[in-house]
Amino acid sequence: MSNSSSIIQFLLLPFADTRELQLLHFCLFLGIYLAALLGNGLIIITIACDHHLHTPMYFFLFNLSLTDLGCISTTVPKSMVNSLWDTRDISYTGCVAQLFFFLFLVITEYFLLTVMAYDRYVAICQPLHYGTLLGSRACVHMAAAAWASGFLHAVMHTASTFSLPLCHGNAVDQFFCEIPQILKLSCSDAYLRETGVIVFNVCLAFVCFVFIVVSYVQIFRAVLRIPSQQGRHKAFFTCLPHLTVVSLFLITSVFSNLKPPSISSLSLDMVLAFLYSVFPPAVNPLIYSMRNKELKDAMWKLMTGCF
């Protein structure tokens, strides 16, 4: 029996047992991390430097790229270091910090995606009022509210999780510090505590989900009323990147948290954690820039101007 006061470090779950697979994992994560750094960093710098992109849509995309960059930087580097040096440990303080920043950035991202749905709704359904409803002050207030909400929820959940005495060892069954896995180490009834955390998050996510769904119902109704086929296609493809990112975020995170216990396993939990914590930050820049000629032209202009 141990308790939280005597725990000075946690042991994270390794991706592989053999040295060769550990190095392979390091190389794969390094490639994914560099791709995420390049993609998100390029979007951030491009939007910041090109005044033509100083619009509400790109302002929120700027904030989204910041959260993606922070999110993947919270989990992946530590996992890479552990694989490279054949270790599993993370300090108690490091685990607390990792959990806090991961929650902070993921929750903020979800709020930002909700705000971005509103942005698309106003742009398509109320274009004449776009400048009024989404002025620079309103955009700053909405982004600040998303970041502040993410911070408060992260503080609440982190404090709640680590306030419990831990007496079931220090081995975390995940490659980063995650609430459900920390709660499994609790001396108290972790199942009830975990259920309470999940229910609270699901209720909050459901409210945002309903808002996003209602926004897109109105958007699709407005798009179908556009007389020209070219206009309908343009309006639809304007929303497609955001809709894709929202779907990817929700499907991976919801299934990870609400999967039936009967199909739970260490391997499946690790794959699902990878899909919702590592995969989206790496592919979101590609999704947003693939069909966005304005953003691609600005990126090309920035890159050619630097060389």
Protein backbone atom coordinates (compact mmCIF):
# COMPACT_ATOMS: atom_id res chain seq x y z
CA MET A 1 0.00 0.00 0.00
CA SER A 2 1.21 3.45 -0.92
CA ASN A 3 -0.42 6.84 -0.74
CA SER A 4 -0.26 10.00 -2.82
CA SER A 5 2.12 11.71 -0.38
CA SER A 6 4.72 8.96 -0.88
CA ILE A 7 4.42 8.85 -4.70
CA ILE A 8 7.18 10.89 -6.30
CA GLN A 9 6.73 9.57 -9.84
CA PHE A 10 4.37 7.60 -12.08
CA LEU A 11 5.18 4.86 -14.58
CA LEU A 12 3.65 5.40 -18.02
CA LEU A 13 2.63 2.57 -20.32
CA PRO A 14 5.28 1.92 -23.00
CA PHE A 15 4.31 1.45 -26.64
CA ALA A 16 6.69 -1.46 -27.09
CA ASP A 17 8.74 -3.94 -25.10
CA THR A 18 11.69 -4.54 -27.43
CA ARG A 19 14.38 -1.95 -28.14
CA GLU A 20 13.79 -2.08 -31.89
CA LEU A 21 10.08 -1.31 -31.54
CA GLN A 22 10.82 1.46 -29.03
CA LEU A 23 13.10 3.15 -31.56
CA LEU A 24 10.46 2.65 -34.26
CA HIS A 25 7.89 4.29 -32.00
CA PHE A 26 10.30 7.19 -31.40
CA CYS A 27 10.81 7.70 -35.13
CA LEU A 28 7.07 7.54 -35.91
CA PHE A 29 6.17 9.99 -33.16
CA LEU A 30 9.03 12.26 -34.20
CA GLY A 31 7.68 12.36 -37.77
CA ILE A 32 4.13 13.05 -36.57
CA TYR A 33 5.30 15.71 -34.12
CA LEU A 34 7.42 17.51 -36.70
CA ALA A 35 4.52 17.44 -39.18
CA ALA A 36 2.20 18.93 -36.53
CA LEU A 37 4.78 21.60 -35.63
CA LEU A 38 5.31 22.50 -39.27
CA GLY A 39 1.61 22.54 -40.21
CA ASN A 40 0.27 24.40 -37.20
CA GLY A 41 3.29 26.68 -36.97
CA LEU A 42 2.93 27.63 -40.64
CA ILE A 43 -0.76 28.45 -40.18
CA ILE A 44 -0.03 30.55 -37.08
CA ILE A 45 2.78 32.52 -38.73
CA THR A 46 0.87 32.96 -42.01
CA ILE A 47 -2.26 34.32 -40.33
CA ALA A 48 -0.22 36.57 -38.05
CA CYS A 49 1.83 38.03 -40.92
CA ASP A 50 -0.76 38.36 -43.70
CA HIS A 51 -3.20 41.21 -43.03
CA HIS A 52 -5.60 39.79 -45.65
CA LEU A 53 -6.21 36.90 -43.24
CA HIS A 54 -7.11 39.12 -40.30
CA THR A 55 -10.76 38.05 -40.41
CA PRO A 56 -12.91 36.25 -37.79
CA MET A 57 -12.61 32.84 -39.48
CA TYR A 58 -8.81 32.97 -39.60
CA PHE A 59 -8.59 34.52 -36.12
CA PHE A 60 -10.37 31.47 -34.69
CA LEU A 61 -8.25 29.16 -36.87
CA PHE A 62 -5.16 30.88 -35.42
CA ASN A 63 -6.38 30.05 -31.91
CA LEU A 64 -7.27 26.48 -32.93
CA SER A 65 -3.75 25.93 -34.28
CA LEU A 66 -2.32 27.21 -30.99
CA THR A 67 -4.34 24.63 -29.05
CA ASP A 68 -3.36 21.85 -31.46
CA LEU A 69 0.30 22.78 -31.16
CA GLY A 70 0.09 22.87 -27.37
CA CYS A 71 -1.94 19.68 -27.12
CA ILE A 72 0.47 17.50 -29.08
CA SER A 73 3.46 19.13 -27.32
CA THR A 74 2.00 18.13 -23.96
CA THR A 75 1.96 14.37 -24.58
CA VAL A 76 4.20 13.36 -27.48
CA PRO A 77 7.67 14.67 -26.47
CA LYS A 78 7.62 12.86 -23.10
CA SER A 79 6.54 9.62 -24.77
CA MET A 80 9.34 10.02 -27.33
CA VAL A 81 11.95 10.65 -24.62
CA ASN A 82 10.83 7.59 -22.67
CA SER A 83 11.08 5.38 -25.76
CA LEU A 84 14.46 6.79 -26.73
CA TRP A 85 15.98 6.30 -23.27
CA ASP A 86 14.06 3.09 -22.46
CA THR A 87 12.33 4.52 -19.39
CA ARG A 88 8.71 4.80 -18.23
CA ASP A 89 8.82 7.37 -15.46
CA ILE A 90 7.27 10.82 -15.19
CA SER A 91 7.53 12.86 -12.01
CA TYR A 92 4.46 13.51 -9.86
CA THR A 93 4.65 17.23 -10.67
CA GLY A 94 5.19 16.44 -14.33
CA CYS A 95 2.10 14.22 -14.37
CA VAL A 96 -0.02 16.92 -12.73
CA ALA A 97 1.24 19.50 -15.24
CA GLN A 98 0.71 17.17 -18.20
CA LEU A 99 -2.86 16.37 -17.17
CA PHE A 100 -3.67 20.04 -16.52
CA PHE A 101 -2.30 21.37 -19.81
CA PHE A 102 -3.82 18.54 -21.84
CA LEU A 103 -7.27 19.17 -20.35
CA PHE A 104 -6.85 22.93 -20.69
CA LEU A 105 -6.00 22.72 -24.38
CA VAL A 106 -8.47 19.99 -25.36
CA ILE A 107 -11.43 21.67 -23.63
CA THR A 108 -10.43 25.04 -25.08
CA GLU A 109 -10.28 23.48 -28.55
CA TYR A 110 -13.80 22.12 -28.21
CA PHE A 111 -15.12 25.53 -27.17
CA LEU A 112 -13.27 27.11 -30.09
CA LEU A 113 -14.82 24.61 -32.50
CA THR A 114 -18.23 25.57 -31.10
CA VAL A 115 -17.49 29.27 -31.64
CA MET A 116 -16.28 28.51 -35.18
CA ALA A 117 -19.63 26.87 -35.93
CA TYR A 118 -21.29 30.14 -34.95
CA ASP A 119 -18.87 31.99 -37.22
CA ARG A 120 -19.88 29.83 -40.19
CA TYR A 121 -23.56 30.23 -39.31
CA VAL A 122 -23.35 34.03 -39.32
CA ALA A 123 -21.22 34.08 -42.49
CA ILE A 124 -23.75 32.02 -44.48
CA CYS A 125 -27.10 32.68 -42.82
CA GLN A 126 -26.65 36.34 -41.87
CA PRO A 127 -23.90 37.68 -44.17
CA LEU A 128 -25.16 41.29 -44.00
CA HIS A 129 -24.69 41.28 -40.20
CA TYR A 130 -21.34 39.46 -40.23
CA GLY A 131 -19.25 42.54 -39.53
CA THR A 132 -21.58 43.61 -36.72
CA LEU A 133 -22.03 40.25 -34.96
CA LEU A 134 -18.40 39.20 -35.40
CA GLY A 135 -16.47 42.42 -34.98
CA SER A 136 -12.93 42.36 -33.67
CA ARG A 137 -14.03 42.97 -30.07
CA ALA A 138 -16.67 40.22 -30.21
CA CYS A 139 -14.14 37.75 -31.64
CA VAL A 140 -11.59 38.54 -28.93
CA HIS A 141 -14.26 38.14 -26.23
CA MET A 142 -15.41 34.75 -27.61
CA ALA A 143 -11.85 33.45 -27.94
CA ALA A 144 -10.99 34.70 -24.44
CA ALA A 145 -14.11 33.00 -23.07
CA ALA A 146 -13.06 29.71 -24.71
CA TRP A 147 -9.55 29.91 -23.22
CA ALA A 148 -10.85 30.97 -19.79
CA SER A 149 -13.44 28.16 -19.74
CA GLY A 150 -10.80 25.61 -20.69
CA PHE A 151 -8.52 26.90 -17.93
CA LEU A 152 -11.23 26.76 -15.23
CA HIS A 153 -12.35 23.26 -16.20
CA ALA A 154 -8.75 22.06 -16.25
CA VAL A 155 -8.08 23.50 -12.79
CA MET A 156 -11.26 21.91 -11.44
CA HIS A 157 -10.64 18.43 -12.88
CA THR A 158 -6.92 18.38 -12.09
CA ALA A 159 -7.48 19.45 -8.49
CA SER A 160 -10.32 16.95 -8.10
CA THR A 161 -8.27 14.08 -9.53
CA PHE A 162 -5.09 14.62 -7.52
CA SER A 163 -6.93 15.43 -4.29
CA LEU A 164 -7.74 11.72 -3.99
CA PRO A 165 -5.37 9.51 -2.01
CA LEU A 166 -3.61 7.04 -4.31
CA CYS A 167 -2.91 3.59 -2.93
CA HIS A 168 -2.96 1.22 -5.93
CA GLY A 169 0.59 1.75 -7.07
CA ASN A 170 1.95 4.29 -9.53
CA ALA A 171 1.60 2.50 -12.88
CA VAL A 172 -0.55 4.52 -15.29
CA ASP A 173 -2.10 2.36 -18.02
CA GLN A 174 -1.64 4.98 -20.73
CA PHE A 175 1.25 6.68 -22.54
CA PHE A 176 0.38 9.98 -20.85
CA CYS A 177 -1.34 11.04 -17.64
CA GLU A 178 -5.09 10.73 -18.19
CA ILE A 179 -7.92 11.20 -15.67
CA PRO A 180 -9.52 7.71 -15.92
CA GLN A 181 -6.13 6.02 -15.50
CA ILE A 182 -5.16 8.16 -12.49
CA LEU A 183 -8.53 7.48 -10.87
CA LYS A 184 -7.89 3.74 -11.12
CA LEU A 185 -5.05 4.25 -8.64
CA SER A 186 -7.33 5.91 -6.10
CA CYS A 187 -8.01 4.41 -2.69
CA SER A 188 -11.64 5.57 -2.76
CA ASP A 189 -14.37 4.40 -5.09
CA ALA A 190 -12.70 5.46 -8.31
CA TYR A 191 -15.49 4.09 -10.48
CA LEU A 192 -18.05 6.51 -9.06
CA ARG A 193 -15.61 9.42 -9.25
CA GLU A 194 -14.70 8.56 -12.81
CA THR A 195 -18.37 8.28 -13.74
CA GLY A 196 -19.04 11.70 -12.24
CA VAL A 197 -16.21 13.28 -14.24
CA ILE A 198 -17.33 11.64 -17.48
CA VAL A 199 -21.00 12.56 -16.94
CA PHE A 200 -20.07 16.19 -16.31
CA ASN A 201 -17.90 16.32 -19.42
CA VAL A 202 -20.51 14.58 -21.54
CA CYS A 203 -23.21 17.04 -20.45
CA LEU A 204 -20.97 19.97 -21.26
CA ALA A 205 -19.96 18.45 -24.58
CA PHE A 206 -23.59 17.69 -25.39
CA VAL A 207 -24.61 21.35 -24.98
CA CYS A 208 -21.84 22.41 -27.37
CA PHE A 209 -22.74 19.54 -29.72
CA VAL A 210 -26.38 20.63 -29.85
CA PHE A 211 -25.27 24.19 -30.62
CA ILE A 212 -23.04 22.93 -33.46
CA VAL A 213 -25.79 20.70 -34.87
CA VAL A 214 -28.39 23.48 -34.77
CA SER A 215 -25.93 25.85 -36.44
CA TYR A 216 -25.27 23.40 -39.27
CA VAL A 217 -28.96 22.61 -39.75
CA GLN A 218 -29.52 26.31 -40.33
CA ILE A 219 -26.43 26.49 -42.56
CA PHE A 220 -27.55 23.60 -44.77
CA ARG A 221 -31.05 25.06 -45.05
CA ALA A 222 -29.54 28.36 -46.17
CA VAL A 223 -27.17 26.64 -48.61
CA LEU A 224 -30.02 24.72 -50.25
CA ARG A 225 -31.84 28.00 -50.85
CA ILE A 226 -28.92 29.43 -52.83
CA PRO A 227 -30.13 29.50 -56.47
CA SER A 228 -26.83 28.76 -58.26
CA GLN A 229 -25.09 25.41 -58.00
CA GLN A 230 -21.70 27.13 -57.92
CA GLY A 231 -22.83 29.24 -54.96
CA ARG A 232 -24.05 26.17 -53.10
CA HIS A 233 -20.76 24.36 -53.67
CA LYS A 234 -18.73 27.37 -52.53
CA ALA A 235 -20.78 27.77 -49.34
CA PHE A 236 -20.62 24.04 -48.57
CA PHE A 237 -16.86 23.76 -49.09
CA THR A 238 -16.36 26.80 -46.86
CA CYS A 239 -17.87 24.78 -43.99
CA LEU A 240 -16.42 21.38 -44.90
CA PRO A 241 -13.03 21.75 -43.11
CA HIS A 242 -14.66 22.80 -39.84
CA LEU A 243 -17.27 20.03 -40.10
CA THR A 244 -14.52 17.46 -40.74
CA VAL A 245 -12.42 18.61 -37.77
CA VAL A 246 -15.46 18.63 -35.44
CA SER A 247 -16.46 15.11 -36.55
CA LEU A 248 -12.93 13.78 -36.06
CA PHE A 249 -12.66 15.39 -32.62
CA LEU A 250 -16.04 14.14 -31.40
CA ILE A 251 -15.90 10.60 -32.79
CA THR A 252 -12.47 9.82 -31.34
CA SER A 253 -12.98 11.47 -27.94
CA VAL A 254 -16.54 10.21 -27.38
CA PHE A 255 -15.73 6.62 -28.32
CA SER A 256 -12.62 6.70 -26.15
CA ASN A 257 -14.60 7.78 -23.08
CA LEU A 258 -17.87 5.93 -23.67
CA LYS A 259 -16.74 2.59 -25.11
CA PRO A 260 -18.28 -0.49 -23.41
CA PRO A 261 -16.08 -1.92 -20.62
CA SER A 262 -16.41 -5.36 -22.23
CA ILE A 263 -14.21 -4.29 -25.18
CA SER A 264 -11.70 -2.32 -23.12
CA SER A 265 -8.05 -3.38 -23.25
CA LEU A 266 -4.68 -1.72 -22.82
CA SER A 267 -3.95 -1.87 -26.56
CA LEU A 268 -7.36 -0.46 -27.54
CA ASP A 269 -7.17 2.28 -24.91
CA MET A 270 -3.75 3.30 -26.19
CA VAL A 271 -4.87 3.37 -29.82
CA LEU A 272 -7.95 5.45 -28.95
CA ALA A 273 -5.85 7.85 -26.87
CA PHE A 274 -3.52 8.25 -29.85
CA LEU A 275 -6.48 8.93 -32.16
CA TYR A 276 -7.94 11.73 -30.04
CA SER A 277 -4.75 13.27 -28.61
CA VAL A 278 -2.12 12.95 -31.36
CA PHE A 279 -3.86 12.37 -34.68
CA PRO A 280 -6.14 15.48 -34.85
CA PRO A 281 -3.40 18.08 -34.16
CA ALA A 282 -1.31 16.50 -36.92
CA VAL A 283 -4.02 16.39 -39.60
CA ASN A 284 -6.05 19.53 -38.78
CA PRO A 285 -3.63 21.84 -40.67
CA LEU A 286 -3.94 19.61 -43.73
CA ILE A 287 -7.75 19.60 -43.49
CA TYR A 288 -7.98 23.38 -43.21
CA SER A 289 -5.47 24.19 -45.95
CA MET A 290 -6.33 21.48 -48.49
CA ARG A 291 -9.27 23.30 -50.16
CA ASN A 292 -8.51 26.81 -48.92
CA LYS A 293 -6.90 28.63 -51.83
CA GLU A 294 -6.60 31.89 -49.90
CA LEU A 295 -4.65 30.23 -47.07
CA LYS A 296 -2.49 28.18 -49.44
CA ASP A 297 -1.61 31.27 -51.49
CA ALA A 298 -0.69 33.16 -48.31
CA MET A 299 1.49 30.25 -47.13
CA TRP A 300 3.24 30.05 -50.50
CA LYS A 301 3.80 33.81 -50.49
CA LEU A 302 5.27 33.58 -46.98
CA MET A 303 7.57 30.67 -47.83
CA THR A 304 8.82 32.15 -51.12
CA GLY A 305 9.40 35.47 -49.39
CA CYS A 306 11.62 33.78 -46.79
CA PHE A 307 13.94 32.08 -49.29
